[in-house]
C-alpha cells in the first residue's frame, strides 16, 4: 500500500484554484482538469498532488513566451496612417 495522499473536497478546491464549480466541471468534461475520486457513494474529492500538477502546468504555460498576435497596426496588407 502506498503512502496516504491528501484529498481536497470541492469547497476547498474552489478556493485553491480560484475557479467556480461550473468551470471545474466543464474542464473535467473536456479532460483539462484532474478527475475526482469517489470517497463514498455521495462524496468525491481530488488528490492534492493531481491538482498541484495541474496548477504547475498552468503556471508554466502562462509563462512561456508567445509569438505576438497581429494587431490593427501590424497586420499584413494594412498600411498604418
Protein backbone atom coordinates (compact mmCIF):
# COMPACT_ATOMS: atom_id res chain seq x y z
CA UNK A 1 0.00 0.00 0.00
CA UNK A 2 1.29 3.49 -0.86
CA UNK A 3 1.65 6.43 1.46
CA UNK A 4 -1.51 8.40 2.31
CA UNK A 5 -2.37 11.24 -0.03
CA UNK A 6 -4.15 14.42 0.92
CA UNK A 7 -7.58 14.86 -0.64
CA UNK A 8 -9.32 18.14 -1.44
CA UNK A 9 -13.09 18.47 -1.28
CA UNK A 10 -14.95 20.71 -3.73
CA UNK A 11 -15.33 23.77 -1.46
CA UNK A 12 -11.60 23.82 -0.79
CA UNK A 13 -10.85 23.14 -4.46
CA UNK A 14 -12.83 26.23 -5.47
CA UNK A 15 -10.74 28.35 -3.08
CA UNK A 16 -7.46 26.67 -4.07
CA UNK A 17 -7.91 27.09 -7.83
CA UNK A 18 -9.91 30.32 -7.97
CA UNK A 19 -12.36 28.61 -10.35
CA UNK A 20 -16.11 28.32 -9.94
CA UNK A 21 -17.72 24.90 -9.52
CA UNK A 22 -19.19 25.05 -13.02
CA UNK A 23 -15.81 25.91 -14.52
CA UNK A 24 -14.24 22.93 -12.77
CA UNK A 25 -17.00 20.64 -14.06
CA UNK A 26 -16.56 21.94 -17.62
CA UNK A 27 -12.78 21.45 -17.50
CA UNK A 28 -13.22 17.89 -16.21
CA UNK A 29 -15.71 17.13 -19.01
CA UNK A 30 -13.15 18.37 -21.58
CA UNK A 31 -10.36 16.36 -19.95
CA UNK A 32 -8.49 19.53 -18.96
CA UNK A 33 -8.66 19.09 -15.19
CA UNK A 34 -7.96 16.08 -12.96
CA UNK A 35 -10.97 13.84 -12.43
CA UNK A 36 -12.19 13.42 -8.86
CA UNK A 37 -12.03 10.18 -6.90
CA UNK A 38 -15.08 8.73 -5.20
CA UNK A 39 -14.71 8.60 -1.42
CA UNK A 40 -18.15 7.15 -0.82
CA UNK A 41 -21.47 6.87 -2.58
CA UNK A 42 -22.14 10.59 -2.12
CA UNK A 43 -18.68 12.12 -1.67
CA UNK A 44 -15.96 12.98 -4.16
CA UNK A 45 -12.59 14.65 -3.76
CA UNK A 46 -9.42 15.39 -5.71
CA UNK A 47 -5.93 14.21 -4.94
CA UNK A 48 -3.87 17.23 -3.88
CA UNK A 49 -0.91 16.01 -5.95
CA UNK A 50 -3.03 15.85 -9.11
CA UNK A 51 -4.36 19.38 -8.56
CA UNK A 52 -0.86 20.70 -7.77
CA UNK A 53 0.47 19.16 -11.01
CA UNK A 54 -2.39 20.77 -13.00
CA UNK A 55 -1.64 24.10 -11.34
CA UNK A 56 2.10 23.81 -12.12
CA UNK A 57 1.27 23.08 -15.78
CA UNK A 58 -0.95 26.16 -15.94
CA UNK A 59 1.73 28.34 -14.38
CA UNK A 60 4.40 27.04 -16.77
CA UNK A 61 2.13 27.54 -19.80
CA UNK A 62 1.30 31.10 -18.78
CA UNK A 63 4.99 31.97 -18.54
CA UNK A 64 6.03 30.55 -21.91
CA UNK A 65 6.91 33.22 -24.44
CA UNK A 66 4.24 33.55 -27.10
CA UNK A 67 4.58 34.90 -30.57
CA UNK A 68 2.95 38.32 -30.85
CA UNK A 69 -0.57 38.38 -32.21
CA UNK A 70 -1.24 40.68 -35.16
CA UNK A 71 -2.90 43.95 -34.23
CA UNK A 72 -4.54 46.51 -36.44
CA UNK A 73 -1.28 48.39 -36.83
CA UNK A 74 0.87 45.40 -37.84
CA UNK A 75 -1.46 43.18 -39.87
CA UNK A 76 -0.02 42.26 -43.25
CA UNK A 77 -1.53 44.26 -46.12
CA UNK A 78 -2.67 47.13 -43.92
CA UNK A 79 -0.87 50.42 -44.10
CA UNK A 80 -0.58 52.43 -40.93
CA UNK A 81 -1.70 56.04 -41.06
